[in-house]
Amino acid sequence: MKTVVITRKHWGKKKLRRTEDGKMCCLGFLCRSYGLSNEDITGRGMPGFLYTDSRSLLPEWLLQSDAFSDAGKAAVINDHDTMTMAEKEAALKPLFLKHDIKLVFRGPAD
């Protein structure tokens, strides 16, 4: 099982990695765990939208971008405006476990 650590103070919304502050969504943390660089993911919305050869490092399910795919569901949960962080964490953990990935959330939020 793969373990991915998400540090809450670096956890953000809307982009794999935001240009303005470097915060990453859950899929950004996952991309980094597969060896993609910050440069590869900065400013990109979804792993399926990456333009680099590093896409080959990612599992196929992560490259699916529609709202019904697990990657799409993860993005919807991550970016949800009315869910608390605790609710997002609780919803994301089982979704990633389906793909043999354990999410660990660490530290306080900002």
C-alpha atoms as a PDB file:
ATOM      1  CA  MET A   1       0.000   0.000   0.000  1.00  0.00           C
ATOM      2  CA  LYS A   2       1.221   3.463  -0.929  1.00  0.00           C
ATOM      3  CA  THR A   3       1.026   6.164   1.763  1.00  0.00           C
ATOM      4  CA  VAL A   4       0.570   9.806   0.807  1.00  0.00           C
ATOM      5  CA  VAL A   5       0.990  12.495   3.444  1.00  0.00           C
ATOM      6  CA  ILE A   6      -1.042  15.677   3.027  1.00  0.00           C
ATOM      7  CA  THR A   7       0.144  18.554   5.180  1.00  0.00           C
ATOM      8  CA  ARG A   8      -2.871  20.672   5.985  1.00  0.00           C
ATOM      9  CA  LYS A   9      -1.050  24.019   5.824  1.00  0.00           C
ATOM     10  CA  HIS A  10      -0.029  23.237   2.215  1.00  0.00           C
ATOM     11  CA  TRP A  11      -3.409  21.809   1.203  1.00  0.00           C
ATOM     12  CA  GLY A  12      -5.335  23.982  -1.248  1.00  0.00           C
ATOM     13  CA  LYS A  13      -8.080  23.922  -3.852  1.00  0.00           C
ATOM     14  CA  LYS A  14      -8.633  24.319  -7.585  1.00  0.00           C
ATOM     15  CA  LYS A  15      -5.153  23.398  -8.908  1.00  0.00           C
ATOM     16  CA  LEU A  16      -2.728  20.509  -8.538  1.00  0.00           C
ATOM     17  CA  ARG A  17      -0.303  23.194  -7.315  1.00  0.00           C
ATOM     18  CA  ARG A  18      -1.216  26.851  -7.189  1.00  0.00           C
ATOM     19  CA  THR A  19       1.220  29.346  -8.677  1.00  0.00           C
ATOM     20  CA  GLU A  20       0.519  32.098  -6.149  1.00  0.00           C
ATOM     21  CA  ASP A  21       1.194  30.191  -2.908  1.00  0.00           C
ATOM     22  CA  GLY A  22       2.355  26.672  -3.777  1.00  0.00           C
ATOM     23  CA  LYS A  23      -0.622  25.002  -2.087  1.00  0.00           C
ATOM     24  CA  MET A  24      -1.637  21.670  -3.582  1.00  0.00           C
ATOM     25  CA  CYS A  25      -4.900  19.789  -3.834  1.00  0.00           C
ATOM     26  CA  CYS A  26      -5.052  16.125  -2.808  1.00  0.00           C
ATOM     27  CA  LEU A  27      -4.286  15.058  -6.393  1.00  0.00           C
ATOM     28  CA  GLY A  28      -1.243  17.340  -6.427  1.00  0.00           C
ATOM     29  CA  PHE A  29       0.143  15.592  -3.343  1.00  0.00           C
ATOM     30  CA  LEU A  30      -0.515  12.269  -5.067  1.00  0.00           C
ATOM     31  CA  CYS A  31       1.246  13.371  -8.272  1.00  0.00           C
ATOM     32  CA  ARG A  32       4.284  14.444  -6.249  1.00  0.00           C
ATOM     33  CA  SER A  33       4.321  11.030  -4.543  1.00  0.00           C
ATOM     34  CA  TYR A  34       4.634   9.412  -7.984  1.00  0.00           C
ATOM     35  CA  GLY A  35       7.705  11.501  -8.780  1.00  0.00           C
ATOM     36  CA  LEU A  36       6.282  14.481 -10.645  1.00  0.00           C
ATOM     37  CA  SER A  37       8.013  17.789  -9.972  1.00  0.00           C
ATOM     38  CA  ASN A  38       6.458  21.026  -8.773  1.00  0.00           C
ATOM     39  CA  GLU A  39       7.134  22.393 -12.251  1.00  0.00           C
ATOM     40  CA  ASP A  40       5.154  19.522 -13.816  1.00  0.00           C
ATOM     41  CA  ILE A  41       2.005  20.220 -11.801  1.00  0.00           C
ATOM     42  CA  THR A  42       1.990  23.984 -11.112  1.00  0.00           C
ATOM     43  CA  GLY A  43      -1.039  25.717 -12.577  1.00  0.00           C
ATOM     44  CA  ARG A  44      -2.657  22.499 -13.819  1.00  0.00           C
ATOM     45  CA  GLY A  45      -6.205  21.576 -12.864  1.00  0.00           C
ATOM     46  CA  MET A  46      -6.149  17.787 -13.170  1.00  0.00           C
ATOM     47  CA  PRO A  47      -3.492  15.093 -13.720  1.00  0.00           C
ATOM     48  CA  GLY A  48      -5.134  14.258 -17.050  1.00  0.00           C
ATOM     49  CA  PHE A  49      -4.333  17.792 -18.245  1.00  0.00           C
ATOM     50  CA  LEU A  50      -0.563  17.448 -17.781  1.00  0.00           C
ATOM     51  CA  TYR A  51       1.509  18.038 -20.910  1.00  0.00           C
ATOM     52  CA  THR A  52       4.733  16.391 -19.852  1.00  0.00           C
ATOM     53  CA  ASP A  53       6.119  12.908 -20.383  1.00  0.00           C
ATOM     54  CA  SER A  54       5.799  12.485 -16.628  1.00  0.00           C
ATOM     55  CA  ARG A  55       2.162  11.456 -17.196  1.00  0.00           C
ATOM     56  CA  SER A  56       3.583   7.984 -17.760  1.00  0.00           C
ATOM     57  CA  LEU A  57       4.515   7.853 -14.053  1.00  0.00           C
ATOM     58  CA  LEU A  58       0.851   8.044 -13.041  1.00  0.00           C
ATOM     59  CA  PRO A  59      -1.671   5.201 -12.803  1.00  0.00           C
ATOM     60  CA  GLU A  60      -4.390   5.233 -15.460  1.00  0.00           C
ATOM     61  CA  TRP A  61      -7.232   5.982 -13.021  1.00  0.00           C
ATOM     62  CA  LEU A  62      -5.542   9.247 -12.058  1.00  0.00           C
ATOM     63  CA  LEU A  63      -5.530  10.459 -15.675  1.00  0.00           C
ATOM     64  CA  GLN A  64      -9.333  10.258 -15.952  1.00  0.00           C
ATOM     65  CA  SER A  65     -10.832  13.731 -15.635  1.00  0.00           C
ATOM     66  CA  ASP A  66     -14.587  13.306 -15.813  1.00  0.00           C
ATOM     67  CA  ALA A  67     -16.728  13.892 -12.715  1.00  0.00           C
ATOM     68  CA  PHE A  68     -17.667  10.200 -12.515  1.00  0.00           C
ATOM     69  CA  SER A  69     -14.081   8.944 -12.336  1.00  0.00           C
ATOM     70  CA  ASP A  70     -12.372   8.545  -8.972  1.00  0.00           C
ATOM     71  CA  ALA A  71      -9.933  11.335  -9.840  1.00  0.00           C
ATOM     72  CA  GLY A  72     -12.872  13.564 -10.724  1.00  0.00           C
ATOM     73  CA  LYS A  73     -14.675  12.651  -7.505  1.00  0.00           C
ATOM     74  CA  ALA A  74     -11.536  13.440  -5.509  1.00  0.00           C
ATOM     75  CA  ALA A  75     -11.313  16.873  -7.158  1.00  0.00           C
ATOM     76  CA  VAL A  76     -14.975  17.612  -6.418  1.00  0.00           C
ATOM     77  CA  ILE A  77     -14.528  16.671  -2.748  1.00  0.00           C
ATOM     78  CA  ASN A  78     -11.236  18.556  -2.442  1.00  0.00           C
ATOM     79  CA  ASP A  79     -12.670  21.747  -3.958  1.00  0.00           C
ATOM     80  CA  HIS A  80     -16.066  21.628  -2.221  1.00  0.00           C
ATOM     81  CA  ASP A  81     -16.871  24.992  -0.674  1.00  0.00           C
ATOM     82  CA  THR A  82     -19.224  23.924   2.125  1.00  0.00           C
ATOM     83  CA  MET A  83     -17.528  20.764   3.423  1.00  0.00           C
ATOM     84  CA  THR A  84     -15.236  21.134   6.427  1.00  0.00           C
ATOM     85  CA  MET A  85     -11.663  19.887   6.210  1.00  0.00           C
ATOM     86  CA  ALA A  86     -12.618  16.969   8.471  1.00  0.00           C
ATOM     87  CA  GLU A  87     -15.505  16.039   6.165  1.00  0.00           C
ATOM     88  CA  LYS A  88     -13.228  16.227   3.121  1.00  0.00           C
ATOM     89  CA  GLU A  89     -10.617  14.036   4.801  1.00  0.00           C
ATOM     90  CA  ALA A  90     -13.264  11.473   5.775  1.00  0.00           C
ATOM     91  CA  ALA A  91     -14.604  11.370   2.204  1.00  0.00           C
ATOM     92  CA  LEU A  92     -11.203  11.239   0.482  1.00  0.00           C
ATOM     93  CA  LYS A  93      -9.682   8.421   2.554  1.00  0.00           C
ATOM     94  CA  PRO A  94     -11.979   5.593   1.335  1.00  0.00           C
ATOM     95  CA  LEU A  95     -11.854   6.875  -2.243  1.00  0.00           C
ATOM     96  CA  PHE A  96      -8.057   6.589  -2.296  1.00  0.00           C
ATOM     97  CA  LEU A  97      -8.098   3.269  -0.422  1.00  0.00           C
ATOM     98  CA  LYS A  98      -9.911   1.782  -3.431  1.00  0.00           C
ATOM     99  CA  HIS A  99      -6.609   2.279  -5.248  1.00  0.00           C
ATOM    100  CA  ASP A 100      -4.466   0.945  -2.406  1.00  0.00           C
ATOM    101  CA  ILE A 101      -3.428   4.449  -1.302  1.00  0.00           C
ATOM    102  CA  LYS A 102      -3.528   5.463   2.347  1.00  0.00           C
ATOM    103  CA  LEU A 103      -3.958   9.186   2.937  1.00  0.00           C
ATOM    104  CA  VAL A 104      -2.423  10.634   6.092  1.00  0.00           C
ATOM    105  CA  PHE A 105      -3.312  14.210   7.055  1.00  0.00           C
ATOM    106  CA  ARG A 106      -0.784  16.009   9.238  1.00  0.00           C
ATOM    107  CA  GLY A 107      -0.491  19.282  11.074  1.00  0.00           C
ATOM    108  CA  PRO A 108      -2.856  22.165  11.639  1.00  0.00           C
ATOM    109  CA  ALA A 109      -4.446  24.173   8.869  1.00  0.00           C
ATOM    110  CA  ASP A 110      -3.201  27.725   8.376  1.00  0.00           C
END
